[in-house]
Amino acid sequence: MQTVVIVVHLLIVAALIGVVLLQRSEGGGLGIGGGGGGGFMSSRGTTNLLTRTTAILAAGFFITSLFLSWLAGYDQRPASLINTTPASQSGSPAPEKNLLDSLKPAEPAAPAAPQAPQSK
């Protein structure tokens, strides 16, 4: 589905670029329709058509952009930086170690049996 939306998005982008280049600018640009009135549409009608087409294509561009950004984040699960070690693969559950546990200083080993005081 994402591929179809990307293809539609790219087609909208190409059409939007073409329509914007066809519009008449202050310097003339690539504008269609000369000064003569014997053509398919009048200059004013062409301008209205190109303006509406640009608005429709721009709305389609924004809608597909928002949909693609929503689709990209749809399947993501929140990830934790603290719990970095995966769970044990064995049958017995091992205590989970995380990043905070690995930063704690190692505890000194307790003596095996009580020791008698030594004099110096």
N, C-alpha and C. Protein backbone atom coordinates (compact mmCIF):
# COMPACT_ATOMS: atom_id res chain seq x y z
N MET A 1 0.81 -1.19 0.00
CA MET A 1 0.00 0.00 0.00
C MET A 1 0.86 1.26 0.00
N GLN A 2 1.97 1.18 0.72
CA GLN A 2 2.85 2.34 0.79
C GLN A 2 3.44 2.65 -0.59
N THR A 3 3.73 1.61 -1.36
CA THR A 3 4.29 1.82 -2.70
C THR A 3 3.28 2.53 -3.60
N VAL A 4 2.02 2.15 -3.50
CA VAL A 4 0.98 2.79 -4.33
C VAL A 4 0.85 4.26 -3.97
N VAL A 5 0.87 4.58 -2.68
CA VAL A 5 0.75 5.97 -2.25
C VAL A 5 1.98 6.77 -2.70
N ILE A 6 3.16 6.16 -2.66
CA ILE A 6 4.37 6.85 -3.12
C ILE A 6 4.29 7.14 -4.61
N VAL A 7 3.81 6.18 -5.40
CA VAL A 7 3.68 6.40 -6.85
C VAL A 7 2.67 7.51 -7.13
N VAL A 8 1.53 7.49 -6.44
CA VAL A 8 0.53 8.56 -6.61
C VAL A 8 1.12 9.91 -6.21
N HIS A 9 1.88 9.92 -5.11
CA HIS A 9 2.52 11.15 -4.64
C HIS A 9 3.48 11.69 -5.69
N LEU A 10 4.28 10.82 -6.29
CA LEU A 10 5.23 11.27 -7.32
C LEU A 10 4.53 11.76 -8.57
N LEU A 11 3.41 11.14 -8.94
CA LEU A 11 2.65 11.62 -10.08
C LEU A 11 2.07 13.01 -9.81
N ILE A 12 1.59 13.21 -8.60
CA ILE A 12 1.07 14.54 -8.22
C ILE A 12 2.18 15.57 -8.26
N VAL A 13 3.36 15.20 -7.77
CA VAL A 13 4.49 16.13 -7.78
C VAL A 13 4.86 16.51 -9.21
N ALA A 14 4.94 15.53 -10.12
CA ALA A 14 5.29 15.82 -11.51
C ALA A 14 4.23 16.71 -12.17
N ALA A 15 2.97 16.42 -11.91
CA ALA A 15 1.89 17.24 -12.48
C ALA A 15 1.92 18.65 -11.91
N LEU A 16 2.20 18.77 -10.62
CA LEU A 16 2.26 20.09 -9.99
C LEU A 16 3.40 20.93 -10.57
N ILE A 17 4.54 20.30 -10.79
CA ILE A 17 5.66 21.02 -11.42
C ILE A 17 5.29 21.48 -12.82
N GLY A 18 4.65 20.59 -13.59
CA GLY A 18 4.23 20.96 -14.95
C GLY A 18 3.23 22.10 -14.98
N VAL A 19 2.25 22.06 -14.09
CA VAL A 19 1.22 23.11 -14.06
C VAL A 19 1.82 24.44 -13.63
N VAL A 20 2.73 24.41 -12.67
CA VAL A 20 3.35 25.66 -12.23
C VAL A 20 4.21 26.26 -13.35
N LEU A 21 4.89 25.41 -14.11
CA LEU A 21 5.71 25.93 -15.22
C LEU A 21 4.85 26.46 -16.37
N LEU A 22 3.64 25.98 -16.51
CA LEU A 22 2.77 26.46 -17.58
C LEU A 22 2.16 27.82 -17.28
N GLN A 23 2.12 28.20 -16.04
CA GLN A 23 1.48 29.46 -15.68
C GLN A 23 2.30 30.64 -16.15
N ARG A 24 1.60 31.67 -16.51
CA ARG A 24 2.26 32.88 -16.98
C ARG A 24 2.74 33.68 -15.77
N SER A 25 3.98 34.06 -15.81
CA SER A 25 4.55 34.85 -14.72
C SER A 25 4.75 36.28 -15.18
N GLU A 26 5.38 37.06 -14.34
CA GLU A 26 5.62 38.47 -14.68
C GLU A 26 6.53 38.59 -15.91
N GLY A 27 7.48 37.69 -16.04
CA GLY A 27 8.41 37.77 -17.16
C GLY A 27 7.95 36.97 -18.36
N GLY A 28 6.82 36.35 -18.32
CA GLY A 28 6.34 35.57 -19.46
C GLY A 28 6.45 34.08 -19.20
N GLY A 29 7.59 33.62 -18.73
CA GLY A 29 7.80 32.21 -18.39
C GLY A 29 7.50 31.29 -19.55
N LEU A 30 6.94 30.14 -19.26
CA LEU A 30 6.53 29.17 -20.27
C LEU A 30 5.03 29.25 -20.52
N GLY A 31 4.43 30.38 -20.18
CA GLY A 31 2.98 30.53 -20.23
C GLY A 31 2.38 30.14 -21.57
N ILE A 32 1.23 29.48 -21.51
CA ILE A 32 0.56 29.08 -22.74
C ILE A 32 -0.45 30.16 -23.12
N GLY A 33 -0.85 30.14 -24.34
CA GLY A 33 -1.86 31.09 -24.81
C GLY A 33 -1.28 32.46 -25.03
N GLY A 34 -1.18 32.84 -26.25
CA GLY A 34 -0.66 34.16 -26.56
C GLY A 34 -1.74 35.22 -26.37
N GLY A 35 -1.55 36.34 -27.02
CA GLY A 35 -2.49 37.43 -26.87
C GLY A 35 -3.76 37.26 -27.68
N GLY A 36 -3.77 36.34 -28.67
CA GLY A 36 -4.92 36.18 -29.55
C GLY A 36 -6.10 35.55 -28.84
N GLY A 37 -7.31 35.90 -29.25
CA GLY A 37 -8.50 35.38 -28.61
C GLY A 37 -9.13 34.21 -29.35
N GLY A 38 -8.53 33.73 -30.44
CA GLY A 38 -9.13 32.67 -31.24
C GLY A 38 -8.76 31.28 -30.80
N GLY A 39 -8.13 31.12 -29.65
CA GLY A 39 -7.69 29.81 -29.20
C GLY A 39 -8.78 29.03 -28.50
N PHE A 40 -8.38 27.97 -27.82
CA PHE A 40 -9.31 27.08 -27.13
C PHE A 40 -10.01 27.79 -25.98
N MET A 41 -9.23 28.50 -25.17
CA MET A 41 -9.79 29.25 -24.05
C MET A 41 -9.20 30.65 -24.06
N SER A 42 -9.90 31.54 -23.39
CA SER A 42 -9.36 32.90 -23.29
C SER A 42 -8.21 32.90 -22.29
N SER A 43 -7.49 33.98 -22.25
CA SER A 43 -6.36 34.10 -21.33
C SER A 43 -6.83 34.03 -19.89
N ARG A 44 -7.97 34.64 -19.61
CA ARG A 44 -8.51 34.63 -18.25
C ARG A 44 -8.98 33.23 -17.86
N GLY A 45 -9.61 32.51 -18.78
CA GLY A 45 -10.07 31.15 -18.51
C GLY A 45 -8.91 30.20 -18.27
N THR A 46 -7.84 30.38 -19.04
CA THR A 46 -6.65 29.55 -18.84
C THR A 46 -6.04 29.80 -17.48
N THR A 47 -5.98 31.06 -17.08
CA THR A 47 -5.43 31.40 -15.77
C THR A 47 -6.26 30.78 -14.66
N ASN A 48 -7.59 30.87 -14.76
CA ASN A 48 -8.45 30.28 -13.74
C ASN A 48 -8.29 28.76 -13.68
N LEU A 49 -8.21 28.12 -14.84
CA LEU A 49 -8.04 26.67 -14.88
C LEU A 49 -6.71 26.25 -14.26
N LEU A 50 -5.65 26.94 -14.60
CA LEU A 50 -4.33 26.60 -14.05
C LEU A 50 -4.26 26.88 -12.55
N THR A 51 -4.91 27.93 -12.10
CA THR A 51 -4.92 28.24 -10.67
C THR A 51 -5.69 27.18 -9.89
N ARG A 52 -6.84 26.78 -10.40
CA ARG A 52 -7.62 25.73 -9.72
C ARG A 52 -6.87 24.39 -9.74
N THR A 53 -6.26 24.07 -10.88
CA THR A 53 -5.50 22.82 -10.98
C THR A 53 -4.33 22.82 -10.01
N THR A 54 -3.65 23.96 -9.88
CA THR A 54 -2.55 24.07 -8.93
C THR A 54 -3.04 23.87 -7.50
N ALA A 55 -4.18 24.47 -7.17
CA ALA A 55 -4.72 24.33 -5.82
C ALA A 55 -5.11 22.88 -5.52
N ILE A 56 -5.73 22.22 -6.49
CA ILE A 56 -6.13 20.82 -6.29
C ILE A 56 -4.91 19.91 -6.15
N LEU A 57 -3.92 20.12 -7.00
CA LEU A 57 -2.70 19.30 -6.91
C LEU A 57 -1.93 19.58 -5.62
N ALA A 58 -1.92 20.83 -5.18
CA ALA A 58 -1.25 21.15 -3.91
C ALA A 58 -1.95 20.49 -2.74
N ALA A 59 -3.27 20.47 -2.75
CA ALA A 59 -4.02 19.79 -1.69
C ALA A 59 -3.74 18.29 -1.71
N GLY A 60 -3.69 17.71 -2.91
CA GLY A 60 -3.35 16.29 -3.03
C GLY A 60 -1.95 16.00 -2.54
N PHE A 61 -1.01 16.91 -2.82
CA PHE A 61 0.37 16.76 -2.35
C PHE A 61 0.43 16.75 -0.82
N PHE A 62 -0.27 17.68 -0.19
CA PHE A 62 -0.25 17.74 1.27
C PHE A 62 -0.93 16.52 1.88
N ILE A 63 -2.03 16.08 1.30
CA ILE A 63 -2.73 14.92 1.84
C ILE A 63 -1.87 13.66 1.74
N THR A 64 -1.25 13.45 0.57
CA THR A 64 -0.40 12.26 0.43
C THR A 64 0.84 12.36 1.30
N SER A 65 1.38 13.57 1.49
CA SER A 65 2.53 13.74 2.38
C SER A 65 2.18 13.39 3.81
N LEU A 66 1.04 13.88 4.29
CA LEU A 66 0.60 13.56 5.65
C LEU A 66 0.31 12.07 5.81
N PHE A 67 -0.31 11.47 4.80
CA PHE A 67 -0.61 10.04 4.87
C PHE A 67 0.66 9.21 4.89
N LEU A 68 1.65 9.59 4.08
CA LEU A 68 2.91 8.85 4.07
C LEU A 68 3.65 8.99 5.39
N SER A 69 3.61 10.16 6.01
CA SER A 69 4.28 10.32 7.30
C SER A 69 3.56 9.53 8.39
N TRP A 70 2.22 9.47 8.32
CA TRP A 70 1.47 8.66 9.28
C TRP A 70 1.76 7.18 9.06
N LEU A 71 1.84 6.76 7.80
CA LEU A 71 2.10 5.37 7.47
C LEU A 71 3.50 4.94 7.90
N ALA A 72 4.45 5.85 7.85
CA ALA A 72 5.82 5.52 8.25
C ALA A 72 5.93 5.27 9.74
N GLY A 73 5.14 5.96 10.55
CA GLY A 73 5.22 5.79 11.99
C GLY A 73 4.17 4.85 12.55
N TYR A 74 3.38 4.20 11.70
CA TYR A 74 2.26 3.37 12.17
C TYR A 74 2.72 2.12 12.90
N ASP A 75 3.72 1.41 12.38
CA ASP A 75 4.14 0.14 12.96
C ASP A 75 5.28 0.27 13.96
N GLN A 76 5.72 1.45 14.24
CA GLN A 76 6.85 1.60 15.15
C GLN A 76 6.39 1.43 16.59
N ARG A 77 7.20 0.74 17.36
CA ARG A 77 6.95 0.59 18.79
C ARG A 77 7.92 1.47 19.53
N PRO A 78 7.55 1.97 20.67
CA PRO A 78 8.48 2.79 21.43
C PRO A 78 9.68 1.97 21.86
N ALA A 79 10.85 2.53 21.70
CA ALA A 79 12.08 1.85 22.06
C ALA A 79 12.69 2.52 23.29
N SER A 80 13.25 1.72 24.15
CA SER A 80 13.86 2.24 25.36
C SER A 80 15.38 2.21 25.22
N LEU A 81 16.01 3.28 25.63
CA LEU A 81 17.47 3.31 25.63
C LEU A 81 18.03 2.65 26.88
N ILE A 82 17.20 2.49 27.89
CA ILE A 82 17.69 1.93 29.15
C ILE A 82 17.75 0.41 29.07
N ASN A 83 16.70 -0.24 28.59
CA ASN A 83 16.68 -1.70 28.48
C ASN A 83 17.30 -2.10 27.15
N THR A 84 18.59 -2.39 27.17
CA THR A 84 19.29 -2.68 25.93
C THR A 84 19.60 -4.16 25.74
N THR A 85 19.60 -4.97 26.80
CA THR A 85 19.94 -6.38 26.65
C THR A 85 18.68 -7.17 26.34
N PRO A 86 18.74 -8.08 25.36
CA PRO A 86 17.57 -8.89 25.04
C PRO A 86 17.31 -9.94 26.13
N ALA A 87 16.11 -10.42 26.18
CA ALA A 87 15.75 -11.45 27.16
C ALA A 87 16.49 -12.74 26.85
N SER A 88 16.67 -13.55 27.85
CA SER A 88 17.39 -14.81 27.70
C SER A 88 16.61 -15.78 26.82
N GLN A 89 17.31 -16.57 26.01
CA GLN A 89 16.68 -17.52 25.13
C GLN A 89 16.42 -18.86 25.82
N SER A 90 17.01 -19.08 27.00
CA SER A 90 16.85 -20.36 27.67
C SER A 90 15.47 -20.46 28.31
N GLY A 91 15.16 -21.66 28.82
CA GLY A 91 13.85 -21.89 29.40
C GLY A 91 13.64 -21.17 30.72
N SER A 92 14.70 -21.03 31.52
CA SER A 92 14.55 -20.37 32.82
C SER A 92 14.72 -18.87 32.64
N PRO A 93 13.82 -18.10 33.19
CA PRO A 93 13.95 -16.64 33.03
C PRO A 93 15.10 -16.11 33.87
N ALA A 94 15.97 -15.40 33.22
CA ALA A 94 17.11 -14.79 33.90
C ALA A 94 16.71 -13.38 34.30
N PRO A 95 17.28 -12.87 35.39
CA PRO A 95 16.96 -11.49 35.75
C PRO A 95 17.45 -10.55 34.65
N GLU A 96 16.59 -9.60 34.28
CA GLU A 96 16.95 -8.67 33.22
C GLU A 96 17.98 -7.68 33.72
N LYS A 97 18.97 -7.46 32.89
CA LYS A 97 19.97 -6.44 33.18
C LYS A 97 19.73 -5.31 32.20
N ASN A 98 19.81 -4.12 32.71
CA ASN A 98 19.64 -2.99 31.82
C ASN A 98 20.84 -2.07 31.96
N LEU A 99 20.77 -0.97 31.29
CA LEU A 99 21.90 -0.05 31.25
C LEU A 99 22.21 0.51 32.63
N LEU A 100 21.22 0.79 33.43
CA LEU A 100 21.46 1.32 34.77
C LEU A 100 22.16 0.31 35.66
N ASP A 101 21.80 -0.98 35.52
CA ASP A 101 22.48 -2.01 36.31
C ASP A 101 23.95 -2.13 35.93
N SER A 102 24.26 -1.95 34.67
CA SER A 102 25.65 -2.09 34.25
C SER A 102 26.50 -0.90 34.69
N LEU A 103 25.88 0.22 35.03
CA LEU A 103 26.64 1.39 35.47
C LEU A 103 26.91 1.40 36.97
N LYS A 104 26.23 0.55 37.73
CA LYS A 104 26.45 0.50 39.17
C LYS A 104 27.82 -0.11 39.45
N PRO A 105 28.49 0.36 40.50
CA PRO A 105 29.78 -0.25 40.83
C PRO A 105 29.57 -1.66 41.35
N ALA A 106 30.57 -2.49 41.11
CA ALA A 106 30.48 -3.89 41.54
C ALA A 106 30.55 -3.95 43.06
N GLU A 107 29.71 -4.79 43.64
CA GLU A 107 29.71 -4.94 45.09
C GLU A 107 30.87 -5.86 45.49
N PRO A 108 31.55 -5.52 46.60
CA PRO A 108 32.65 -6.39 47.03
C PRO A 108 32.09 -7.74 47.49
N ALA A 109 32.88 -8.77 47.26
CA ALA A 109 32.45 -10.12 47.65
C ALA A 109 32.45 -10.24 49.16
N ALA A 110 31.42 -10.87 49.68
CA ALA A 110 31.32 -11.06 51.13
C ALA A 110 32.26 -12.20 51.54
N PRO A 111 32.85 -12.10 52.73
CA PRO A 111 33.74 -13.19 53.16
C PRO A 111 32.93 -14.48 53.37
N ALA A 112 33.60 -15.61 53.19
CA ALA A 112 32.95 -16.91 53.27
C ALA A 112 32.54 -17.23 54.70
N ALA A 113 33.41 -16.92 55.67
CA ALA A 113 33.12 -17.22 57.07
C ALA A 113 33.63 -16.06 57.91
N PRO A 114 33.09 -15.90 59.10
CA PRO A 114 33.61 -14.82 59.93
C PRO A 114 35.07 -15.07 60.28
N GLN A 115 35.81 -13.99 60.30
CA GLN A 115 37.25 -14.11 60.58
C GLN A 115 37.57 -13.51 61.95
N ALA A 116 38.55 -14.12 62.56
CA ALA A 116 38.99 -13.65 63.86
C ALA A 116 39.79 -12.39 63.68
N PRO A 117 39.73 -11.47 64.65
CA PRO A 117 40.55 -10.25 64.53
C PRO A 117 42.02 -10.59 64.58
N GLN A 118 42.78 -9.87 63.84
CA GLN A 118 44.24 -10.09 63.80
C GLN A 118 44.92 -8.92 64.46
N SER A 119 45.93 -9.24 65.27
CA SER A 119 46.68 -8.16 65.92
C SER A 119 47.91 -7.86 65.11
N LYS A 120 48.34 -6.63 65.26
CA LYS A 120 49.52 -6.19 64.51
C LYS A 120 50.72 -6.12 65.37
